[in-house]
Protein backbone atom coordinates (compact mmCIF):
# COMPACT_ATOMS: atom_id res chain seq x y z
CA MET A 1 -19.28 -34.94 -11.84
CA ARG A 2 -16.36 -36.44 -9.90
CA LEU A 3 -17.28 -34.34 -6.86
CA LYS A 4 -20.89 -35.53 -7.02
CA ASN A 5 -19.78 -39.16 -7.32
CA ALA A 6 -17.51 -38.75 -4.31
CA VAL A 7 -20.40 -37.38 -2.25
CA TYR A 8 -22.67 -40.22 -3.34
CA ASN A 9 -19.99 -42.82 -2.54
CA ARG A 10 -19.46 -41.31 0.90
CA LEU A 11 -23.23 -41.32 1.48
CA PHE A 12 -23.41 -45.00 0.46
CA VAL A 13 -20.66 -45.89 2.92
CA CYS A 14 -22.43 -44.00 5.68
CA LEU A 15 -25.66 -45.81 4.90
CA GLU A 16 -23.84 -49.12 5.13
CA ASN A 17 -22.36 -48.14 8.48
CA GLY A 18 -25.62 -46.83 9.85
CA ALA A 19 -24.10 -43.32 10.17
CA LEU A 20 -26.41 -41.39 7.86
CA ALA A 21 -27.45 -38.94 10.59
CA ALA A 22 -23.86 -38.13 11.48
CA PHE A 23 -22.92 -37.67 7.84
CA LEU A 24 -25.83 -35.35 7.13
CA SER A 25 -25.04 -33.35 10.25
CA LEU A 26 -21.42 -32.79 9.14
CA PHE A 27 -22.46 -32.05 5.58
CA LEU A 28 -25.03 -29.44 6.59
CA ALA A 29 -22.60 -27.84 9.07
CA ALA A 30 -20.00 -27.48 6.32
CA GLN A 31 -22.59 -25.91 4.02
CA ALA A 32 -23.58 -23.47 6.76
CA ARG A 33 -19.96 -22.43 7.34
CA ALA A 34 -19.46 -21.84 3.61
CA ALA A 35 -22.58 -19.69 3.43
CA GLU A 36 -21.53 -17.73 6.52
CA ALA A 37 -18.09 -17.01 5.10
CA GLU A 38 -19.51 -15.37 1.96
CA LEU A 39 -19.91 -11.67 2.74
CA ARG A 40 -22.63 -9.71 0.98
CA PRO A 41 -23.33 -5.96 0.68
CA GLY A 42 -25.38 -4.85 3.67
CA ASP A 43 -23.92 -7.43 6.08
CA THR A 44 -22.86 -6.05 9.45
CA ILE A 45 -19.62 -7.25 11.04
CA GLY A 46 -18.96 -6.89 14.74
CA PRO A 47 -18.11 -8.79 17.93
CA HIS A 48 -21.06 -11.16 17.40
CA ASN A 49 -19.66 -12.57 14.12
CA TRP A 50 -15.97 -11.63 13.95
CA GLU A 51 -15.16 -15.15 12.72
CA ARG A 52 -16.54 -14.23 9.29
CA VAL A 53 -13.59 -11.90 8.63
CA LYS A 54 -10.93 -13.79 10.59
CA GLU A 55 -8.56 -14.16 7.60
CA MET A 56 -9.60 -10.94 5.84
CA VAL A 57 -8.15 -8.22 8.09
CA GLY A 58 -5.01 -7.67 10.13
CA GLU A 59 -4.58 -9.23 13.56
CA ASN A 60 -4.96 -5.90 15.34
CA LEU A 61 -8.18 -4.92 13.55
CA LEU A 62 -9.60 -8.37 14.24
CA SER A 63 -8.91 -7.79 17.93
CA ARG A 64 -10.72 -4.43 17.74
CA ILE A 65 -13.72 -6.12 16.10
CA LYS A 66 -13.86 -8.64 18.94
CA GLN A 67 -13.82 -5.69 21.36
CA GLY A 68 -16.76 -3.93 19.69
CA TYR A 69 -15.72 -2.26 16.43
CA THR A 70 -18.61 -2.64 13.99
CA PHE A 71 -19.02 -1.84 10.29
CA LYS A 72 -21.01 -2.77 7.20
CA ILE A 73 -20.01 -4.50 3.96
CA LYS A 74 -20.61 -2.76 0.63
CA ALA A 75 -20.31 -3.77 -3.01
CA PRO A 76 -16.71 -3.90 -4.33
CA THR A 77 -15.41 -0.97 -6.36
CA ARG A 78 -13.82 -1.55 -9.77
CA TYR A 79 -11.32 0.78 -11.43
CA GLN A 80 -9.16 0.28 -14.50
CA PRO A 81 -5.67 1.69 -15.12
CA PRO A 82 -5.58 4.48 -17.72
CA ARG A 83 -5.64 3.25 -21.32
CA GLU A 84 -2.12 4.60 -21.95
CA TYR A 85 -0.78 2.37 -19.20
CA VAL A 86 -2.72 -0.64 -20.52
CA GLU A 87 -1.36 -0.02 -24.04
CA ALA A 88 2.19 0.30 -22.73
CA THR A 89 1.78 -3.01 -20.89
CA LYS A 90 0.65 -4.79 -24.07
CA LYS A 91 3.50 -3.28 -26.05
CA HIS A 92 6.42 -3.76 -23.66
CA ALA A 93 5.59 -6.58 -21.23
CA PRO A 94 6.45 -9.47 -23.63
CA ALA A 95 10.13 -8.44 -23.55
CA VAL A 96 10.46 -8.06 -19.76
CA ARG A 97 12.63 -10.57 -17.91
CA LEU A 98 14.20 -11.09 -14.49
CA GLY A 99 17.97 -11.06 -14.18
CA PRO A 100 20.04 -13.55 -12.14
CA ASP A 101 19.75 -11.41 -8.98
CA GLY A 102 16.07 -10.60 -9.43
CA GLU A 103 16.71 -7.32 -11.23
CA LEU A 104 14.24 -6.16 -13.89
CA LEU A 105 15.43 -6.34 -17.50
CA ASN A 106 13.98 -4.70 -20.64
CA HIS A 107 11.26 -2.81 -18.79
CA VAL A 108 10.20 0.34 -20.64
CA ALA A 109 6.75 1.22 -19.30
CA GLY A 110 3.51 -0.36 -18.09
CA LEU A 111 3.05 -3.40 -15.87
CA PRO A 112 6.12 -5.69 -16.11
CA PHE A 113 4.35 -9.04 -15.60
CA PRO A 114 0.61 -8.95 -16.42
CA GLN A 115 0.28 -12.72 -15.97
CA ILE A 116 1.34 -14.30 -12.66
CA ASP A 117 1.61 -18.07 -12.35
CA PRO A 118 1.54 -18.95 -8.62
CA ARG A 119 3.56 -22.11 -9.41
CA ASP A 120 6.40 -20.00 -10.85
CA PRO A 121 9.33 -20.02 -8.36
CA GLN A 122 9.93 -16.36 -9.30
CA ALA A 123 6.29 -15.36 -8.80
CA GLY A 124 7.06 -13.42 -5.61
CA GLN A 125 9.75 -11.34 -7.30
CA LYS A 126 7.40 -10.61 -10.20
CA VAL A 127 4.58 -9.53 -7.88
CA ALA A 128 7.04 -7.21 -6.11
CA TRP A 129 8.04 -5.59 -9.40
CA ASN A 130 4.40 -5.22 -10.43
CA PHE A 131 3.72 -3.42 -7.15
CA TYR A 132 6.77 -1.21 -7.67
CA TRP A 133 5.77 -0.25 -11.22
CA ARG A 134 2.00 -0.10 -10.66
CA TRP A 135 0.29 2.89 -12.24
CA GLN A 136 0.90 6.08 -10.24
CA GLY A 137 0.90 8.60 -13.06
CA ASP A 138 3.99 10.10 -14.65
CA ASP A 139 4.15 12.47 -11.68
CA PHE A 140 1.90 13.55 -8.84
CA LYS A 141 1.48 16.03 -6.04
CA GLY A 142 0.38 14.54 -2.76
CA GLY A 143 -2.19 16.43 -0.73
CA GLY A 144 -4.32 18.02 -3.41
CA GLY A 145 -7.57 16.33 -2.46
CA THR A 146 -7.81 16.78 1.31
CA GLU A 147 -9.90 19.44 3.00
CA THR A 148 -6.87 21.65 3.52
CA GLY A 149 -5.17 20.86 0.21
CA LYS A 150 -2.33 19.25 2.16
CA MET A 151 -1.34 15.77 3.28
CA ILE A 152 -2.37 15.41 6.92
CA ARG A 153 -0.99 13.15 9.61
CA TYR A 154 -2.19 12.70 13.16
CA ALA A 155 0.22 11.06 15.58
CA ILE A 156 -1.85 9.41 18.33
CA GLU A 157 -0.32 8.40 21.64
CA LYS A 158 -1.46 5.38 23.64
CA ASP A 159 -3.37 7.68 26.01
CA GLY A 160 -5.33 9.15 23.09
CA SER A 161 -3.56 12.50 22.87
CA GLU A 162 -2.93 13.68 19.32
CA ARG A 163 -0.50 15.82 17.39
CA ARG A 164 -1.22 17.00 13.85
CA TYR A 165 1.34 17.79 11.19
CA ASP A 166 0.91 18.58 7.48
CA PHE A 167 3.14 18.28 4.46
CA TYR A 168 3.27 18.27 0.67
CA SER A 169 4.83 15.59 -1.50
CA TYR A 170 6.04 16.02 -5.08
CA PHE A 171 6.85 12.83 -6.97
CA LEU A 172 8.34 12.44 -10.46
CA PHE A 173 8.96 9.31 -12.55
CA PRO A 174 11.62 10.32 -15.09
CA ARG A 175 11.24 7.04 -16.98
CA THR A 176 8.40 4.56 -17.66
CA ARG A 177 6.25 7.56 -18.66
CA VAL A 178 3.09 6.84 -20.64
CA THR A 179 1.15 10.12 -20.74
CA LEU A 180 3.31 13.23 -20.42
CA GLU A 181 6.01 14.25 -22.88
CA PRO A 182 8.79 13.41 -23.12
CA LYS A 183 7.99 9.70 -22.93
CA PRO A 184 8.94 7.04 -22.10
CA VAL A 185 11.93 8.81 -20.50
CA ILE A 186 13.17 12.32 -19.79
CA PRO A 187 16.56 12.66 -21.58
CA GLY A 188 19.43 12.52 -19.13
CA TYR A 189 17.39 10.68 -16.49
CA GLU A 190 17.50 7.18 -17.94
CA ASN A 191 19.06 5.74 -14.76
CA ILE A 192 16.60 7.24 -12.27
CA ASP A 193 13.38 5.46 -11.26
CA SER A 194 11.87 8.25 -9.18
CA ILE A 195 12.54 11.54 -7.42
CA GLN A 196 10.58 12.76 -4.40
CA LEU A 197 10.47 16.12 -2.65
CA ARG A 198 8.70 16.10 0.73
CA VAL A 199 7.98 19.45 2.41
CA ASP A 200 6.73 19.91 5.99
CA SER A 201 4.25 22.78 6.44
CA TYR A 202 2.83 22.36 9.97
CA PRO A 203 3.50 22.74 12.89
CA ARG A 204 5.73 25.78 12.82
CA ASP A 205 8.66 24.13 14.59
CA SER A 206 9.12 21.79 11.60
CA ALA A 207 7.69 23.92 8.77
CA GLY A 208 10.01 24.26 5.80
CA ALA A 209 11.98 21.10 6.56
CA THR A 210 12.45 19.35 3.22
CA THR A 211 13.58 15.88 2.19
CA LEU A 212 14.88 15.05 -1.29
CA GLU A 213 15.07 11.38 -2.26
CA ILE A 214 16.48 9.97 -5.51
CA ARG A 215 15.96 6.30 -6.40
CA TYR A 216 18.39 4.89 -9.01
CA SER A 217 17.66 2.02 -11.36
CA GLU A 218 21.02 0.32 -10.85
CA PRO A 219 20.40 -2.60 -8.47
CA LYS A 220 23.38 -1.97 -6.20
CA ARG A 221 23.37 1.81 -6.20
CA PRO A 222 21.89 3.19 -2.98
CA ASP A 223 19.40 6.05 -2.87
CA ASP A 224 20.49 9.64 -2.50
CA LEU A 225 18.77 11.17 0.53
CA TYR A 226 19.08 14.81 1.59
CA LEU A 227 17.51 16.87 4.37
CA TYR A 228 17.19 20.66 4.56
CA ILE A 229 16.68 22.15 8.04
CA PRO A 230 15.47 25.78 7.86
CA SER A 231 16.80 26.78 11.29
CA LEU A 232 20.31 25.72 10.26
CA ARG A 233 19.93 26.78 6.62
CA ARG A 234 21.91 23.74 5.63
CA ILE A 235 21.43 20.64 3.52
CA ARG A 236 22.63 17.41 5.05
CA ARG A 237 23.15 14.12 3.28
CA LEU A 238 21.61 11.18 5.13
CA THR A 239 22.77 7.57 5.04
CA THR A 240 20.52 4.81 3.69
CA THR A 241 20.41 3.27 7.18
CA GLN A 242 18.23 6.23 8.16
CA ARG A 243 15.45 4.78 6.03
CA CYS A 244 14.65 2.73 9.12
CA GLN A 245 14.47 5.70 11.46
CA THR A 246 10.97 6.71 12.51
CA LEU A 247 9.67 9.92 10.97
CA ALA A 248 8.81 11.55 14.29
CA PRO A 249 6.28 11.97 15.68
CA SER A 250 4.68 9.28 13.50
CA GLU A 251 5.16 5.51 13.50
CA PHE A 252 6.22 5.56 9.82
CA ASN A 253 9.74 5.24 8.53
CA LEU A 254 10.78 5.98 4.94
CA ASP A 255 10.25 2.38 3.82
CA ASP A 256 6.71 2.36 5.27
CA ILE A 257 5.61 5.06 2.84
CA ASP A 258 3.12 3.61 0.33
CA PHE A 259 3.33 0.39 2.42
CA PHE A 260 6.79 -0.43 1.06
CA ARG A 261 9.34 1.96 -0.44
CA GLY A 262 12.38 -0.27 -0.12
CA LYS A 263 14.64 -0.88 -3.08
CA ILE A 264 13.29 -4.07 -4.68
CA THR A 265 16.67 -5.74 -5.19
CA ASP A 266 17.54 -5.36 -1.49
CA PHE A 267 14.93 -7.93 -0.44
CA ASN A 268 13.72 -11.49 -0.98
CA TYR A 269 10.12 -12.27 -1.93
CA LYS A 270 7.80 -15.21 -1.57
CA LEU A 271 4.29 -15.46 -2.99
CA VAL A 272 2.48 -17.07 -0.06
CA GLY A 273 -0.91 -17.35 -1.75
CA GLU A 274 -4.08 -15.55 -2.80
CA LYS A 275 -7.25 -14.66 -0.92
CA LYS A 276 -10.09 -12.19 -0.40
CA VAL A 277 -9.63 -9.35 2.10
CA LEU A 278 -11.48 -6.29 3.34
CA THR A 279 -10.54 -2.80 2.23
CA ASN A 280 -12.25 0.32 0.86
CA TYR A 281 -11.72 1.69 -2.65
CA ALA A 282 -14.48 4.30 -2.42
CA GLN A 283 -13.92 6.14 0.85
CA GLU A 284 -16.86 8.45 1.53
CA ARG A 285 -15.00 11.28 3.24
CA VAL A 286 -11.36 12.43 3.30
CA PRO A 287 -10.19 12.36 6.04
CA TYR A 288 -12.59 9.74 7.33
CA ASN A 289 -14.63 10.40 10.47
CA ARG A 290 -13.13 8.96 13.63
CA LYS A 291 -13.29 9.43 17.36
CA LYS A 292 -10.57 11.63 18.80
CA GLY A 293 -7.72 9.48 20.01
CA ASP A 294 -8.67 6.55 17.75
CA TYR A 295 -7.24 5.64 14.36
CA LEU A 296 -10.16 3.60 12.97
CA PRO A 297 -12.91 5.05 10.73
CA ALA A 298 -16.15 5.54 12.62
CA ASP A 299 -18.68 5.14 9.80
CA GLU A 300 -16.96 3.88 6.64
CA GLN A 301 -18.09 0.67 4.96
CA TRP A 302 -15.65 -2.01 3.86
CA GLU A 303 -15.56 -4.08 0.67
CA VAL A 304 -14.09 -7.40 -0.47
CA GLN A 305 -11.18 -7.45 -2.93
CA ASP A 306 -8.86 -10.18 -4.27
CA VAL A 307 -5.19 -9.97 -3.30
CA TYR A 308 -1.85 -11.69 -3.55
CA ILE A 309 -0.07 -12.42 -0.25
CA LEU A 310 3.56 -11.36 -0.55
CA GLU A 311 6.17 -12.09 2.12
CA ILE A 312 9.20 -9.76 2.15
CA THR A 313 12.45 -10.47 3.99
CA PRO A 314 15.63 -8.34 3.86
CA LYS A 315 18.95 -9.50 2.43
CA ASP A 316 20.64 -7.32 5.05
CA PRO A 317 20.39 -9.11 8.44
CA ASP A 318 20.60 -5.75 10.24
CA TYR A 319 17.57 -4.28 8.49
CA CYS A 320 14.88 -3.01 10.88
CA TYR A 321 12.02 -5.28 9.71
CA PRO A 322 12.87 -9.01 9.63
CA LYS A 323 9.56 -9.81 7.92
CA ARG A 324 6.87 -7.80 6.21
CA VAL A 325 3.75 -9.27 4.60
CA MET A 326 1.71 -7.26 2.11
CA TRP A 327 -1.71 -7.93 0.65
CA ILE A 328 -1.56 -6.61 -2.91
CA ASP A 329 -4.68 -5.98 -4.96
CA LYS A 330 -4.78 -8.09 -8.11
CA ALA A 331 -6.36 -5.41 -10.28
CA ALA A 332 -4.72 -2.17 -9.14
CA TRP A 333 -1.48 -3.72 -7.79
CA GLU A 334 -1.83 -1.40 -4.82
CA ALA A 335 -1.20 -2.71 -1.32
CA THR A 336 -4.30 -2.78 0.86
CA TRP A 337 -2.64 -4.09 4.04
CA ALA A 338 0.84 -4.60 5.42
CA MET A 339 1.99 -6.37 8.58
CA VAL A 340 5.42 -6.35 10.21
CA TRP A 341 7.01 -8.75 12.73
CA ASP A 342 10.06 -8.12 14.93
CA ARG A 343 13.13 -10.32 15.40
CA LYS A 344 11.41 -12.36 18.10
CA GLY A 345 8.57 -13.17 15.71
CA ASP A 346 6.12 -10.95 17.59
CA TYR A 347 3.50 -8.89 15.74
CA TRP A 348 4.78 -5.32 15.55
CA LYS A 349 3.04 -2.99 13.09
CA GLU A 350 -0.10 -3.03 10.98
CA LEU A 351 -0.88 -0.72 8.04
CA ALA A 352 -4.17 -0.28 6.16
CA LEU A 353 -5.18 2.31 3.57
CA PHE A 354 -8.45 3.31 1.92
CA ARG A 355 -8.70 4.84 -1.55
CA ILE A 356 -10.93 7.22 -3.43
CA PRO A 357 -11.72 7.83 -7.10
CA GLY A 358 -9.91 10.58 -8.98
CA LYS A 359 -10.22 12.06 -12.45
CA LEU A 360 -7.44 12.67 -14.94
CA ALA A 361 -7.43 15.67 -17.27
CA ASP A 362 -9.11 13.66 -20.03
CA GLY A 363 -11.88 12.42 -17.74
CA GLN A 364 -10.56 8.91 -17.07
CA VAL A 365 -11.46 7.76 -13.56
CA VAL A 366 -8.61 6.23 -11.56
CA TRP A 367 -7.93 5.39 -7.92
CA GLN A 368 -5.92 7.55 -5.57
CA GLN A 369 -4.95 7.37 -1.94
CA GLY A 370 -7.44 8.33 0.73
CA THR A 371 -7.00 7.81 4.48
CA GLY A 372 -5.14 5.04 6.25
CA TYR A 373 -3.33 4.21 9.45
CA ILE A 374 -0.30 2.52 10.93
CA ILE A 375 -0.47 1.06 14.44
CA ASN A 376 2.46 -0.08 16.54
CA VAL A 377 0.75 -2.79 18.58
CA GLN A 378 3.72 -3.06 20.94
CA ASN A 379 3.76 0.55 22.19
CA GLY A 380 0.14 1.48 21.40
CA ARG A 381 1.07 4.48 19.24
CA SER A 382 -0.65 5.00 15.89
CA THR A 383 -0.64 7.44 12.99
CA VAL A 384 -3.51 8.39 10.68
CA ILE A 385 -2.66 9.82 7.26
CA SER A 386 -4.80 11.38 4.53
CA ALA A 387 -2.87 11.51 1.32
CA SER A 388 -4.89 12.09 -1.85
CA ARG A 389 -3.06 12.99 -5.06
CA LYS A 390 -3.22 15.01 -8.26
CA PHE A 391 -1.66 13.13 -11.17
CA ASN A 392 0.18 14.20 -14.32
CA ILE A 393 0.57 17.86 -13.43
CA GLY A 394 3.75 18.32 -15.46
CA LEU A 395 6.47 18.51 -12.82
CA SER A 396 9.95 19.37 -14.09
CA PRO A 397 13.19 17.76 -12.91
CA SER A 398 14.39 21.28 -12.11
CA LEU A 399 12.00 21.28 -9.14
CA PHE A 400 13.99 18.53 -7.44
CA THR A 401 17.19 20.42 -6.65
CA PHE A 402 19.12 21.81 -3.69
CA GLY A 403 18.15 25.26 -4.87
CA THR A 404 14.46 24.44 -4.47
CA MET A 405 15.03 23.00 -1.01
CA GLN A 406 16.59 26.29 0.13
CA THR A 407 13.67 28.39 -1.14
CA ILE A 408 10.83 26.54 0.63
CA THR A 409 8.72 28.95 2.69
CA ARG A 410 7.79 28.43 6.32
CA GLN A 411 4.29 27.58 5.06
CA GLY A 412 5.82 24.65 3.16
CA GLU A 413 5.19 26.16 -0.26
CA VAL A 414 7.61 26.02 -3.19
CA ASN A 415 8.57 29.46 -4.53
């Protein structure tokens, strides 16, 4: 009613000033812009109407749209976390708190902060923790859903030449477990958030190389990171500074995995706002079709989803990324986009990832990773990754040992 009154009052003033035509012109133009901004299934986006998605995609993709990249809009996809995760959230979230340094207190399992108040000065920290503890299963094997049964990456040079390399990824959450026994924690692993074993399988010159990463729950305890090199038959311990080193030949580093794999307490967070963005939660083909030498999908449709805008800055002034911004889905708490700026404030990297549906053993339908890309806009190099997953397969902590690393075959398989 107040809005209507304001419009009527403005109209009355315009009538008094003899400016009715001008007022109506502005009013109708505003209505037209609002209608144009609302995307509907079946709409086509391209260089003729790139303004419609100006704030809904990364800067680099927007530039590609202006240059000719065209796609259609489809209806948004809706998934729900598994019921065990939802039940754990209801049971444990009321007791969760933030400590004086932003650490997470009293978290057992489920989503730490199901309700986010944008006015809360700690909202950014809470969104970061929700992203960190989003549902990802109690364990998973990466690569189970691609055409080859592996995780596939294509490193693409500026001139369009490509190099393919494959790998497997085994991931275990020893605590915060909601489905597999023992739950909520594996005895003896109460201080470990996650353990990851990453095994290269192709090409031959890197096959069998294995990385073991252990993430501890103590805020100030750094990760353990180990590398096994088959040709040397030795395991080397890496320093945490190597998290910033590029995983050649890709444009990813360790903290780029899953958009952001940094230790939460090593960074500062600011909730910048909320908005609608373009993504794809029902990718039609894995990997998606694309032209050789290009990282963008050739025929996938995009959909609109609601996200939080989270700005991430490091506490360590020497950290490689001075600023990262992530767009985090409000329902799944997955990141749909990430953007990185360098120390000069110039746009540096852009990450986007599609997702696909997956089924758990009991038939529940969940989301899993599909195909995505990272582009270094400064050197023109990009990487495309297809990384679907199989959840809750019953991985044992005994898999994540030095002994396992030394028994990996040249095909990247675990004996």
